[in-house]
Amino acid sequence: MAAKYGFSDVCEGLVEDLKGAYPTEWKDFRTTKVLGEDIFGLPKPHPNAVLNLFLEHNIKFALPLAAYRAALGGFSSLVSDGPGMTLPRLSLASAIYGMESIRQATVQASHSIVYGRLGVCPQGACVLSVSTKRMEPRMEALKKVIDIVIEKGTGDMLSPPSLGDPLCTNCAELLENAYLRYCAQPAWLALPRLLWVERVGET
């Protein structure tokens, strides 16, 4: 409405408010108190509607995270056809491509982190408390961890999954820190490429 009626000062203020919820830097993503569509209050808008809004008003800085949030909803959410939710053809194709790319990136990162960072643990309650003399038990334990990581990750490659029971506190913290280090650069920087942000909204 502010754009429709030419209230430029109001538009600029609204866009400035959006910067906190749609950060462009990893450090801001980690510290923001309100993320994504939560900035709009209740009733919270559908991620597709938010992405359409940003496309319509050419709010480029917010597109990577907005497209990511839309992709997190999965296919059924992406093809929603409620008021304001229907994505343009190329935007939808981009989000679907990004959704699958994110899933693959999450699986690859999880494998790399689990198999590259976690070792045998001396804590008896930890799933990694296995014999160091045989490789098979350790590989079975790591496979159990990776299955849980992928299952609980739900396609969100920017947030470490909560492991709960299978790992002890020390191993869970080690995995979470490694995951966050991965997100800080490769995962975060990959968002525009994975989601074809530069192409989103083309006609």
Protein backbone atom coordinates (compact mmCIF):
# COMPACT_ATOMS: atom_id res chain seq x y z
CA MET A 1 0.00 0.00 0.00
CA ALA A 2 2.88 2.35 0.78
CA ALA A 3 4.29 1.70 -2.70
CA LYS A 4 0.88 1.99 -4.35
CA TYR A 5 0.20 5.40 -2.85
CA GLY A 6 3.75 6.69 -3.22
CA PHE A 7 4.73 6.92 0.45
CA SER A 8 8.43 6.61 -0.28
CA ASP A 9 9.55 7.40 3.28
CA VAL A 10 7.32 4.64 4.64
CA CYS A 11 8.64 2.21 2.00
CA GLU A 12 12.24 3.00 2.93
CA GLY A 13 11.48 2.47 6.62
CA LEU A 14 9.79 -0.86 5.95
CA VAL A 15 12.68 -2.07 3.80
CA GLU A 16 15.12 -1.05 6.53
CA ASP A 17 13.13 -3.11 9.05
CA LEU A 18 13.31 -6.11 6.73
CA LYS A 19 17.12 -6.15 6.79
CA GLY A 20 17.19 -7.66 10.26
CA ALA A 21 14.84 -10.50 9.34
CA TYR A 22 16.46 -11.19 5.96
CA PRO A 23 20.17 -10.82 6.71
CA THR A 24 22.87 -10.92 4.07
CA GLU A 25 25.72 -11.80 6.47
CA TRP A 26 26.13 -15.07 8.38
CA LYS A 27 26.93 -13.27 11.65
CA ASP A 28 23.63 -11.38 11.40
CA PHE A 29 21.74 -14.57 10.60
CA ARG A 30 23.07 -16.17 13.79
CA THR A 31 22.17 -13.23 16.03
CA THR A 32 18.85 -12.01 14.63
CA LYS A 33 15.91 -12.36 16.99
CA VAL A 34 13.27 -12.32 14.25
CA LEU A 35 13.88 -14.31 11.08
CA GLY A 36 12.04 -14.39 7.79
CA GLU A 37 8.28 -14.01 7.59
CA ASP A 38 8.00 -13.69 11.39
CA ILE A 39 8.84 -10.00 10.92
CA PHE A 40 5.33 -9.45 9.49
CA GLY A 41 3.58 -10.48 12.70
CA LEU A 42 0.33 -12.44 12.92
CA PRO A 43 -1.21 -13.86 10.91
CA LYS A 44 2.19 -14.88 9.54
CA PRO A 45 2.25 -14.74 5.73
CA HIS A 46 3.08 -17.75 3.61
CA PRO A 47 6.76 -17.80 2.48
CA ASN A 48 5.61 -17.81 -1.16
CA ALA A 49 3.62 -14.61 -0.58
CA VAL A 50 6.67 -12.97 0.96
CA LEU A 51 8.87 -14.05 -1.95
CA ASN A 52 6.31 -12.66 -4.40
CA LEU A 53 6.23 -9.37 -2.49
CA PHE A 54 10.01 -9.02 -2.67
CA LEU A 55 10.03 -9.91 -6.37
CA GLU A 56 7.30 -7.37 -7.12
CA HIS A 57 9.14 -4.57 -5.34
CA ASN A 58 12.63 -5.67 -6.38
CA ILE A 59 13.98 -6.07 -2.83
CA LYS A 60 17.07 -7.92 -4.00
CA PHE A 61 18.97 -8.24 -0.73
CA ALA A 62 16.14 -10.30 0.78
CA LEU A 63 15.68 -12.70 -2.15
CA PRO A 64 18.24 -15.38 -1.17
CA LEU A 65 16.83 -15.99 2.30
CA ALA A 66 13.21 -15.51 1.17
CA ALA A 67 13.67 -18.12 -1.57
CA TYR A 68 15.38 -20.41 0.91
CA ARG A 69 12.51 -20.09 3.39
CA ALA A 70 10.03 -20.87 0.62
CA ALA A 71 12.04 -23.93 -0.45
CA LEU A 72 12.14 -25.24 3.13
CA GLY A 73 8.38 -25.73 3.00
CA GLY A 74 8.82 -28.50 0.46
CA PHE A 75 7.06 -29.16 -2.82
CA SER A 76 3.49 -29.07 -1.51
CA SER A 77 4.11 -25.64 0.01
CA LEU A 78 5.87 -24.30 -3.08
CA VAL A 79 2.90 -25.12 -5.33
CA SER A 80 0.36 -23.49 -3.00
CA ASP A 81 -2.20 -21.50 -4.98
CA GLY A 82 -3.85 -19.45 -2.24
CA PRO A 83 -4.13 -15.65 -2.47
CA GLY A 84 -0.70 -14.21 -3.28
CA MET A 85 0.97 -17.63 -2.95
CA THR A 86 1.23 -18.70 -6.59
CA LEU A 87 4.84 -18.27 -7.67
CA PRO A 88 5.77 -17.20 -11.21
CA ARG A 89 6.82 -20.13 -13.39
CA LEU A 90 10.56 -19.44 -13.31
CA SER A 91 10.48 -18.58 -9.61
CA LEU A 92 8.81 -21.91 -8.87
CA ALA A 93 11.30 -23.80 -11.04
CA SER A 94 14.16 -22.01 -9.32
CA ALA A 95 12.84 -22.84 -5.85
CA ILE A 96 12.31 -26.51 -6.72
CA TYR A 97 15.82 -26.72 -8.14
CA GLY A 98 17.15 -25.03 -5.02
CA MET A 99 15.16 -27.32 -2.72
CA GLU A 100 16.77 -30.43 -4.23
CA SER A 101 20.21 -28.79 -4.30
CA ILE A 102 19.85 -27.87 -0.61
CA ARG A 103 18.90 -31.45 0.24
CA GLN A 104 21.96 -32.79 -1.56
CA ALA A 105 24.24 -30.19 0.03
CA THR A 106 22.87 -31.03 3.48
CA VAL A 107 23.49 -34.75 3.02
CA GLN A 108 27.03 -34.18 1.72
CA ALA A 109 27.88 -31.77 4.53
CA SER A 110 26.46 -34.13 7.15
CA HIS A 111 28.50 -37.06 5.81
CA SER A 112 31.67 -34.97 5.73
CA ILE A 113 31.18 -33.67 9.26
CA VAL A 114 30.14 -36.94 10.90
CA TYR A 115 32.76 -39.12 9.25
CA GLY A 116 35.49 -36.51 9.36
CA ARG A 117 35.02 -35.09 12.87
CA LEU A 118 33.60 -37.74 15.17
CA GLY A 119 35.75 -40.47 16.67
CA VAL A 120 35.48 -43.12 19.35
CA CYS A 121 34.02 -41.72 22.57
CA PRO A 122 34.91 -42.92 26.10
CA GLN A 123 31.45 -42.06 27.46
CA GLY A 124 29.50 -45.27 27.93
CA ALA A 125 26.11 -43.71 27.14
CA CYS A 126 27.29 -42.31 23.81
CA VAL A 127 26.53 -44.24 20.62
CA LEU A 128 30.17 -43.69 19.62
CA SER A 129 31.42 -45.60 22.67
CA VAL A 130 32.63 -48.57 20.61
CA SER A 131 35.73 -50.70 20.37
CA THR A 132 38.74 -49.07 18.75
CA LYS A 133 40.12 -52.45 17.70
CA ARG A 134 37.50 -53.19 15.07
CA MET A 135 36.41 -50.82 12.30
CA GLU A 136 32.93 -52.32 11.80
CA PRO A 137 31.38 -51.19 15.12
CA ARG A 138 32.66 -47.65 14.64
CA MET A 139 31.31 -47.46 11.08
CA GLU A 140 27.95 -48.79 12.24
CA ALA A 141 27.85 -46.18 15.00
CA LEU A 142 28.71 -43.38 12.57
CA LYS A 143 26.05 -44.57 10.13
CA LYS A 144 23.51 -44.43 12.95
CA VAL A 145 24.53 -40.84 13.70
CA ILE A 146 24.44 -39.76 10.05
CA ASP A 147 20.96 -41.28 9.61
CA ILE A 148 19.71 -39.28 12.60
CA VAL A 149 21.39 -36.07 11.41
CA ILE A 150 19.82 -36.34 7.95
CA GLU A 151 16.41 -37.31 9.33
CA LYS A 152 16.32 -34.42 11.80
CA GLY A 153 17.91 -31.91 9.45
CA THR A 154 14.68 -31.59 7.42
CA GLY A 155 16.55 -29.91 4.57
CA ASP A 156 17.64 -26.92 6.65
CA MET A 157 21.36 -26.65 5.94
CA LEU A 158 21.82 -23.47 7.98
CA SER A 159 20.83 -24.89 11.37
CA PRO A 160 22.44 -27.89 13.09
CA PRO A 161 19.94 -30.64 13.97
CA SER A 162 19.36 -31.44 17.63
CA LEU A 163 20.65 -34.95 18.28
CA GLY A 164 19.39 -35.53 21.80
CA ASP A 165 19.96 -39.05 23.11
CA PRO A 166 22.37 -40.86 20.76
CA LEU A 167 25.40 -38.67 21.46
CA CYS A 168 26.91 -37.50 24.72
CA THR A 169 27.08 -33.77 25.40
CA ASN A 170 30.69 -33.47 24.24
CA CYS A 171 30.16 -35.29 20.93
CA ALA A 172 26.90 -33.42 20.23
CA GLU A 173 28.66 -30.10 20.84
CA LEU A 174 31.55 -31.13 18.59
CA LEU A 175 29.16 -32.00 15.78
CA GLU A 176 27.12 -28.83 16.21
CA ASN A 177 30.22 -26.61 16.15
CA ALA A 178 31.52 -28.35 13.03
CA TYR A 179 28.12 -27.91 11.38
CA LEU A 180 28.05 -24.22 12.22
CA ARG A 181 31.55 -23.73 10.84
CA TYR A 182 30.40 -25.33 7.60
CA CYS A 183 27.31 -23.11 7.45
CA ALA A 184 29.33 -19.97 8.12
CA GLN A 185 30.92 -20.07 4.69
CA PRO A 186 30.08 -22.82 2.15
CA ALA A 187 26.39 -23.21 3.00
CA TRP A 188 25.63 -19.51 3.42
CA LEU A 189 27.52 -18.43 0.32
CA ALA A 190 25.86 -21.17 -1.73
CA LEU A 191 22.30 -19.88 -1.24
CA PRO A 192 22.16 -17.50 -4.23
CA ARG A 193 23.73 -20.10 -6.53
CA LEU A 194 21.54 -22.97 -5.35
CA LEU A 195 18.37 -20.92 -5.65
CA TRP A 196 19.23 -19.11 -8.91
CA VAL A 197 18.36 -15.85 -7.19
CA GLU A 198 19.62 -13.76 -10.09
CA ARG A 199 17.11 -15.51 -12.36
CA VAL A 200 14.13 -15.56 -10.01
CA GLY A 201 11.26 -13.47 -11.31
CA GLU A 202 12.34 -13.33 -14.94
CA THR A 203 9.52 -13.36 -17.45
